[in-house]
Amino acid sequence: MTNYARRLGLFSGTMAVIGGIIGSGIFATPNVVAQRVGTSGLALVTWILGGLVALAGAFCYGELGERSPKAGGQYVYLRDAFGPLPAFLYAWALLLVMA
């Protein structure tokens, strides 16, 4: 039996997160974007602007994670900002949406 080390480096971890965030929608939506904007140049600009908005959101979550390095993600951020009740309601709503 071969024992492989279970570890992710910076590059492979980053690629795993990007793959999880982008998902398969990147392959389904270019047609819709191209139809709505009309030109390929404008479609490319639209994708770049969307990427910049997503990057800004990622930086916000990175900052939140650095300020509150606890397990729980959005639940912890909501609990720290607004108290336990909104965080509890968010967690249950998320659970019901995913179920």
N, C-alpha and C. Protein backbone atom coordinates (compact mmCIF):
# COMPACT_ATOMS: atom_id res chain seq x y z
N MET A 1 0.85 -1.19 0.00
CA MET A 1 0.00 0.00 0.00
C MET A 1 0.88 1.24 0.00
N THR A 2 0.61 2.13 -0.91
CA THR A 2 1.39 3.35 -1.04
C THR A 2 0.77 4.45 -0.19
N ASN A 3 1.60 5.14 0.55
CA ASN A 3 1.13 6.26 1.36
C ASN A 3 1.53 7.56 0.68
N TYR A 4 0.54 8.29 0.21
CA TYR A 4 0.78 9.58 -0.41
C TYR A 4 0.57 10.67 0.62
N ALA A 5 1.38 11.70 0.55
CA ALA A 5 1.22 12.83 1.46
C ALA A 5 0.01 13.65 1.02
N ARG A 6 -0.83 13.98 1.96
CA ARG A 6 -2.00 14.82 1.67
C ARG A 6 -1.66 16.26 2.01
N ARG A 7 -1.27 16.98 0.99
CA ARG A 7 -0.94 18.37 1.21
C ARG A 7 -1.20 19.17 -0.06
N LEU A 8 -1.54 20.39 0.16
CA LEU A 8 -1.75 21.31 -0.95
C LEU A 8 -0.77 22.47 -0.80
N GLY A 9 -0.12 22.80 -1.87
CA GLY A 9 0.73 23.98 -1.87
C GLY A 9 -0.11 25.22 -2.17
N LEU A 10 0.55 26.35 -2.25
CA LEU A 10 -0.16 27.60 -2.53
C LEU A 10 -0.86 27.55 -3.88
N PHE A 11 -0.15 27.09 -4.91
CA PHE A 11 -0.74 27.06 -6.25
C PHE A 11 -1.91 26.09 -6.33
N SER A 12 -1.71 24.86 -5.86
CA SER A 12 -2.79 23.86 -5.97
C SER A 12 -3.98 24.22 -5.09
N GLY A 13 -3.74 24.81 -3.93
CA GLY A 13 -4.85 25.26 -3.09
C GLY A 13 -5.62 26.40 -3.73
N THR A 14 -4.90 27.34 -4.34
CA THR A 14 -5.54 28.45 -5.03
C THR A 14 -6.38 27.95 -6.20
N MET A 15 -5.84 27.02 -6.96
CA MET A 15 -6.58 26.47 -8.10
C MET A 15 -7.82 25.70 -7.65
N ALA A 16 -7.74 25.00 -6.53
CA ALA A 16 -8.91 24.29 -6.01
C ALA A 16 -10.01 25.27 -5.61
N VAL A 17 -9.64 26.36 -4.96
CA VAL A 17 -10.62 27.36 -4.56
C VAL A 17 -11.22 28.05 -5.78
N ILE A 18 -10.40 28.43 -6.74
CA ILE A 18 -10.90 29.07 -7.95
C ILE A 18 -11.84 28.14 -8.70
N GLY A 19 -11.48 26.87 -8.81
CA GLY A 19 -12.35 25.90 -9.47
C GLY A 19 -13.68 25.74 -8.77
N GLY A 20 -13.67 25.79 -7.44
CA GLY A 20 -14.92 25.69 -6.69
C GLY A 20 -15.79 26.92 -6.82
N ILE A 21 -15.16 28.08 -6.92
CA ILE A 21 -15.93 29.32 -7.03
C ILE A 21 -16.50 29.50 -8.43
N ILE A 22 -15.67 29.30 -9.43
CA ILE A 22 -16.12 29.52 -10.80
C ILE A 22 -17.12 28.46 -11.22
N GLY A 23 -16.83 27.21 -10.95
CA GLY A 23 -17.74 26.13 -11.30
C GLY A 23 -17.90 25.97 -12.80
N SER A 24 -18.96 25.34 -13.21
CA SER A 24 -19.17 25.05 -14.63
C SER A 24 -19.92 26.16 -15.35
N GLY A 25 -20.38 27.17 -14.64
CA GLY A 25 -21.10 28.28 -15.26
C GLY A 25 -20.26 29.03 -16.27
N ILE A 26 -18.95 28.99 -16.10
CA ILE A 26 -18.06 29.67 -17.04
C ILE A 26 -18.19 29.10 -18.45
N PHE A 27 -18.63 27.86 -18.56
CA PHE A 27 -18.78 27.24 -19.87
C PHE A 27 -20.19 27.42 -20.44
N ALA A 28 -21.15 27.76 -19.61
CA ALA A 28 -22.54 27.87 -20.05
C ALA A 28 -22.97 29.31 -20.37
N THR A 29 -22.36 30.29 -19.73
CA THR A 29 -22.84 31.67 -19.86
C THR A 29 -22.20 32.53 -20.93
N PRO A 30 -21.06 32.21 -21.53
CA PRO A 30 -20.51 33.12 -22.55
C PRO A 30 -21.46 33.39 -23.70
N ASN A 31 -22.24 32.41 -24.09
CA ASN A 31 -23.20 32.60 -25.17
C ASN A 31 -24.24 33.66 -24.80
N VAL A 32 -24.73 33.60 -23.58
CA VAL A 32 -25.74 34.56 -23.11
C VAL A 32 -25.13 35.97 -23.06
N VAL A 33 -23.92 36.07 -22.54
CA VAL A 33 -23.26 37.38 -22.45
C VAL A 33 -23.03 37.95 -23.85
N ALA A 34 -22.56 37.14 -24.77
CA ALA A 34 -22.30 37.61 -26.14
C ALA A 34 -23.58 38.07 -26.82
N GLN A 35 -24.69 37.39 -26.59
CA GLN A 35 -25.96 37.79 -27.19
C GLN A 35 -26.44 39.12 -26.62
N ARG A 36 -26.23 39.34 -25.34
CA ARG A 36 -26.76 40.55 -24.72
C ARG A 36 -25.94 41.80 -25.02
N VAL A 37 -24.61 41.66 -25.12
CA VAL A 37 -23.79 42.86 -25.32
C VAL A 37 -23.52 43.15 -26.78
N GLY A 38 -23.58 42.16 -27.65
CA GLY A 38 -23.46 42.42 -29.08
C GLY A 38 -22.09 42.22 -29.68
N THR A 39 -21.04 42.76 -29.08
CA THR A 39 -19.71 42.63 -29.66
C THR A 39 -18.81 41.80 -28.75
N SER A 40 -17.81 41.18 -29.36
CA SER A 40 -16.91 40.34 -28.57
C SER A 40 -16.03 41.17 -27.65
N GLY A 41 -15.66 42.37 -28.08
CA GLY A 41 -14.85 43.24 -27.23
C GLY A 41 -15.59 43.67 -25.98
N LEU A 42 -16.85 44.03 -26.15
CA LEU A 42 -17.66 44.42 -25.00
C LEU A 42 -17.93 43.23 -24.08
N ALA A 43 -18.07 42.05 -24.66
CA ALA A 43 -18.24 40.84 -23.84
C ALA A 43 -17.00 40.59 -22.99
N LEU A 44 -15.83 40.78 -23.57
CA LEU A 44 -14.59 40.59 -22.82
C LEU A 44 -14.47 41.61 -21.70
N VAL A 45 -14.82 42.86 -21.99
CA VAL A 45 -14.79 43.90 -20.95
C VAL A 45 -15.77 43.56 -19.83
N THR A 46 -16.93 43.03 -20.19
CA THR A 46 -17.92 42.64 -19.18
C THR A 46 -17.37 41.55 -18.28
N TRP A 47 -16.71 40.55 -18.87
CA TRP A 47 -16.12 39.47 -18.07
C TRP A 47 -15.02 40.00 -17.15
N ILE A 48 -14.21 40.92 -17.65
CA ILE A 48 -13.13 41.48 -16.83
C ILE A 48 -13.71 42.28 -15.67
N LEU A 49 -14.74 43.08 -15.93
CA LEU A 49 -15.38 43.85 -14.85
C LEU A 49 -15.99 42.92 -13.80
N GLY A 50 -16.64 41.86 -14.26
CA GLY A 50 -17.19 40.88 -13.32
C GLY A 50 -16.11 40.22 -12.49
N GLY A 51 -14.97 39.94 -13.11
CA GLY A 51 -13.84 39.37 -12.38
C GLY A 51 -13.29 40.33 -11.33
N LEU A 52 -13.26 41.62 -11.65
CA LEU A 52 -12.78 42.61 -10.68
C LEU A 52 -13.73 42.73 -9.49
N VAL A 53 -15.03 42.66 -9.75
CA VAL A 53 -16.01 42.68 -8.66
C VAL A 53 -15.84 41.45 -7.78
N ALA A 54 -15.65 40.29 -8.41
CA ALA A 54 -15.44 39.05 -7.64
C ALA A 54 -14.15 39.12 -6.84
N LEU A 55 -13.11 39.72 -7.40
CA LEU A 55 -11.84 39.86 -6.70
C LEU A 55 -11.99 40.77 -5.48
N ALA A 56 -12.77 41.85 -5.63
CA ALA A 56 -13.02 42.73 -4.48
C ALA A 56 -13.74 41.98 -3.37
N GLY A 57 -14.72 41.14 -3.74
CA GLY A 57 -15.40 40.33 -2.74
C GLY A 57 -14.47 39.34 -2.07
N ALA A 58 -13.56 38.75 -2.84
CA ALA A 58 -12.59 37.81 -2.28
C ALA A 58 -11.66 38.51 -1.30
N PHE A 59 -11.24 39.73 -1.63
CA PHE A 59 -10.39 40.48 -0.71
C PHE A 59 -11.14 40.81 0.59
N CYS A 60 -12.43 41.11 0.48
CA CYS A 60 -13.23 41.37 1.69
C CYS A 60 -13.29 40.14 2.59
N TYR A 61 -13.53 38.98 1.99
CA TYR A 61 -13.57 37.76 2.78
C TYR A 61 -12.19 37.42 3.35
N GLY A 62 -11.14 37.72 2.61
CA GLY A 62 -9.79 37.50 3.13
C GLY A 62 -9.52 38.37 4.35
N GLU A 63 -9.96 39.61 4.29
CA GLU A 63 -9.79 40.51 5.43
C GLU A 63 -10.62 40.05 6.62
N LEU A 64 -11.85 39.63 6.38
CA LEU A 64 -12.68 39.12 7.47
C LEU A 64 -12.06 37.88 8.10
N GLY A 65 -11.52 37.00 7.27
CA GLY A 65 -10.89 35.79 7.79
C GLY A 65 -9.65 36.09 8.62
N GLU A 66 -8.93 37.14 8.24
CA GLU A 66 -7.75 37.51 9.02
C GLU A 66 -8.14 38.15 10.34
N ARG A 67 -9.20 38.92 10.35
CA ARG A 67 -9.64 39.58 11.59
C ARG A 67 -10.28 38.62 12.57
N SER A 68 -10.88 37.57 12.07
CA SER A 68 -11.57 36.60 12.93
C SER A 68 -11.18 35.19 12.50
N PRO A 69 -10.00 34.73 12.89
CA PRO A 69 -9.52 33.42 12.42
C PRO A 69 -10.15 32.25 13.19
N LYS A 70 -11.45 32.09 13.03
CA LYS A 70 -12.18 30.99 13.68
C LYS A 70 -12.93 30.23 12.61
N ALA A 71 -13.22 28.97 12.89
CA ALA A 71 -14.02 28.17 11.97
C ALA A 71 -15.46 28.67 11.99
N GLY A 72 -16.12 28.67 10.85
CA GLY A 72 -17.52 29.05 10.79
C GLY A 72 -17.86 29.99 9.66
N GLY A 73 -16.88 30.65 9.09
CA GLY A 73 -17.11 31.51 7.94
C GLY A 73 -18.12 32.61 8.19
N GLN A 74 -19.14 32.69 7.32
CA GLN A 74 -20.11 33.78 7.38
C GLN A 74 -20.86 33.81 8.71
N TYR A 75 -21.09 32.64 9.31
CA TYR A 75 -21.77 32.61 10.61
C TYR A 75 -20.96 33.41 11.63
N VAL A 76 -19.67 33.20 11.67
CA VAL A 76 -18.81 33.90 12.64
C VAL A 76 -18.79 35.39 12.35
N TYR A 77 -18.72 35.76 11.06
CA TYR A 77 -18.68 37.18 10.72
C TYR A 77 -19.98 37.87 11.12
N LEU A 78 -21.11 37.22 10.87
CA LEU A 78 -22.40 37.80 11.27
C LEU A 78 -22.54 37.86 12.79
N ARG A 79 -22.09 36.82 13.48
CA ARG A 79 -22.17 36.81 14.94
C ARG A 79 -21.34 37.93 15.54
N ASP A 80 -20.14 38.13 15.01
CA ASP A 80 -19.28 39.20 15.53
C ASP A 80 -19.85 40.58 15.23
N ALA A 81 -20.49 40.75 14.09
CA ALA A 81 -21.00 42.06 13.69
C ALA A 81 -22.36 42.38 14.28
N PHE A 82 -23.28 41.40 14.29
CA PHE A 82 -24.67 41.68 14.65
C PHE A 82 -25.20 40.91 15.85
N GLY A 83 -24.42 39.99 16.39
CA GLY A 83 -24.88 39.21 17.53
C GLY A 83 -25.30 37.80 17.14
N PRO A 84 -25.66 37.00 18.14
CA PRO A 84 -25.93 35.59 17.88
C PRO A 84 -27.24 35.31 17.13
N LEU A 85 -28.27 36.11 17.32
CA LEU A 85 -29.56 35.80 16.69
C LEU A 85 -29.51 35.90 15.16
N PRO A 86 -29.02 37.00 14.58
CA PRO A 86 -28.94 37.03 13.11
C PRO A 86 -28.04 35.93 12.54
N ALA A 87 -26.97 35.62 13.25
CA ALA A 87 -26.07 34.55 12.78
C ALA A 87 -26.78 33.20 12.82
N PHE A 88 -27.54 32.96 13.88
CA PHE A 88 -28.30 31.71 14.00
C PHE A 88 -29.34 31.60 12.89
N LEU A 89 -30.08 32.69 12.65
CA LEU A 89 -31.10 32.68 11.61
C LEU A 89 -30.48 32.48 10.23
N TYR A 90 -29.33 33.11 9.99
CA TYR A 90 -28.64 32.91 8.72
C TYR A 90 -28.24 31.45 8.54
N ALA A 91 -27.68 30.85 9.58
CA ALA A 91 -27.22 29.46 9.47
C ALA A 91 -28.38 28.53 9.18
N TRP A 92 -29.52 28.73 9.84
CA TRP A 92 -30.67 27.87 9.58
C TRP A 92 -31.26 28.11 8.20
N ALA A 93 -31.32 29.37 7.77
CA ALA A 93 -31.82 29.65 6.42
C ALA A 93 -30.91 29.01 5.37
N LEU A 94 -29.62 29.08 5.58
CA LEU A 94 -28.68 28.46 4.65
C LEU A 94 -28.85 26.95 4.63
N LEU A 95 -29.05 26.36 5.79
CA LEU A 95 -29.27 24.92 5.86
C LEU A 95 -30.54 24.52 5.12
N LEU A 96 -31.61 25.29 5.30
CA LEU A 96 -32.87 24.96 4.63
C LEU A 96 -32.78 25.16 3.11
N VAL A 97 -32.02 26.15 2.67
CA VAL A 97 -31.85 26.37 1.24
C VAL A 97 -31.05 25.23 0.62
N MET A 98 -30.04 24.76 1.31
CA MET A 98 -29.19 23.69 0.77
C MET A 98 -29.84 22.32 0.86
N ALA A 99 -30.76 22.15 1.77
CA ALA A 99 -31.37 20.82 1.96
C ALA A 99 -32.37 20.49 0.88
